Amino acid sequence: IAPANIRKGNVAVGGDLGASYSTYSGSTLYLNPSAEYFIADRFSIGGMLTTTLSENFQSYGIGPSATYYFWNQNKWAASTGLAVRYSTSNS
């Protein structure tokens, strides 16, 4: 049976924040928040926002996602997912 955190009715909120530097593009900041709702044990649907900001480039996106958790042991879980994004950018 799935642990409580990947059971039907729960919500998962997450994302990532990052920064990088290259001699080609300079400094870049990434911010990608996400949220998913478990419609069944081990299976969630939701969405993600994406933001990329650099000295010469900006990109914003939004889209749906789905995740299936196929393995779990105590506090560990492995998953696979699919996401589709619509993005716009300018330089």
Protein backbone atom coordinates (compact mmCIF):
# COMPACT_ATOMS: atom_id res chain seq x y z
CA ILE A 1 0.00 0.00 0.00
CA ALA A 2 1.19 3.55 -0.68
CA PRO A 3 2.55 5.64 2.21
CA ALA A 4 0.33 8.50 3.39
CA ASN A 5 2.09 11.16 1.29
CA ILE A 6 1.20 9.56 -2.07
CA ARG A 7 -2.39 8.60 -1.32
CA LYS A 8 -5.60 9.75 -2.99
CA GLY A 9 -6.75 13.21 -1.85
CA ASN A 10 -3.32 14.58 -0.91
CA VAL A 11 -1.58 17.53 -2.54
CA ALA A 12 2.11 17.74 -3.43
CA VAL A 13 3.72 21.18 -3.77
CA GLY A 14 7.28 21.57 -4.99
CA GLY A 15 9.49 22.87 -7.73
CA ASP A 16 13.02 24.01 -8.21
CA LEU A 17 15.11 27.15 -7.99
CA GLY A 18 18.49 27.45 -9.64
CA ALA A 19 21.13 29.78 -10.95
CA SER A 20 23.94 29.40 -13.44
CA TYR A 21 26.65 31.42 -15.12
CA SER A 22 28.33 30.98 -18.50
CA THR A 23 30.60 33.19 -20.55
CA TYR A 24 28.09 32.93 -23.42
CA SER A 25 24.83 33.93 -21.70
CA GLY A 26 25.99 35.43 -18.41
CA SER A 27 23.93 34.90 -15.26
CA THR A 28 20.67 32.94 -15.45
CA LEU A 29 17.99 32.37 -12.79
CA TYR A 30 15.44 29.53 -12.96
CA LEU A 31 12.22 29.34 -10.91
CA ASN A 32 9.74 26.48 -11.51
CA PRO A 33 6.98 26.01 -8.89
CA SER A 34 4.59 23.05 -9.22
CA ALA A 35 1.54 21.53 -7.55
CA GLU A 36 -0.19 18.19 -8.03
CA TYR A 37 -3.32 16.55 -6.61
CA PHE A 38 -3.49 12.77 -6.06
CA ILE A 39 -6.57 11.50 -7.90
CA ALA A 40 -5.68 7.92 -6.89
CA ASP A 41 -3.05 6.24 -4.71
CA ARG A 42 0.32 6.75 -6.45
CA PHE A 43 -1.12 8.87 -9.33
CA SER A 44 -1.26 12.68 -9.37
CA ILE A 45 -2.15 15.40 -11.86
CA GLY A 46 -1.35 19.09 -11.68
CA GLY A 47 0.71 21.76 -13.32
CA MET A 48 3.89 23.80 -13.33
CA LEU A 49 4.96 27.35 -14.03
CA THR A 50 8.39 27.93 -15.54
CA THR A 51 10.46 31.10 -15.44
CA THR A 52 13.94 31.66 -16.85
CA LEU A 53 15.60 35.06 -16.50
CA SER A 54 19.02 36.00 -17.80
CA GLU A 55 20.83 39.17 -18.84
CA ASN A 56 19.66 38.82 -22.48
CA PHE A 57 16.77 36.37 -22.34
CA GLN A 58 13.45 35.83 -20.53
CA SER A 59 11.13 32.86 -20.82
CA TYR A 60 7.81 32.05 -19.11
CA GLY A 61 5.72 28.90 -19.38
CA ILE A 62 2.75 27.02 -17.99
CA GLY A 63 1.36 23.53 -18.48
CA PRO A 64 -0.22 20.38 -17.07
CA SER A 65 1.61 17.39 -15.64
CA ALA A 66 0.91 13.84 -14.44
CA THR A 67 3.05 11.62 -12.21
CA TYR A 68 2.88 7.91 -11.37
CA TYR A 69 4.82 6.59 -8.35
CA PHE A 70 5.73 3.01 -9.23
CA TRP A 71 7.95 2.15 -6.23
CA ASN A 72 8.04 3.22 -2.60
CA GLN A 73 9.92 2.07 0.48
CA ASN A 74 9.60 3.91 3.81
CA LYS A 75 10.32 7.57 2.98
CA TRP A 76 11.65 6.90 -0.56
CA ALA A 77 9.66 6.76 -3.81
CA ALA A 78 10.46 6.49 -7.51
CA SER A 79 8.21 7.98 -10.15
CA THR A 80 7.75 8.68 -13.82
CA GLY A 81 5.85 11.59 -15.27
CA LEU A 82 4.76 13.53 -18.30
CA ALA A 83 4.40 17.28 -18.72
CA VAL A 84 3.49 19.59 -21.58
CA ARG A 85 4.47 23.26 -21.52
CA TYR A 86 3.43 26.35 -23.45
CA SER A 87 6.24 28.91 -23.31
CA THR A 88 6.90 32.39 -24.55
CA SER A 89 10.23 34.16 -24.61
CA ASN A 90 11.96 37.36 -25.60
CA SER A 91 15.54 38.47 -25.88
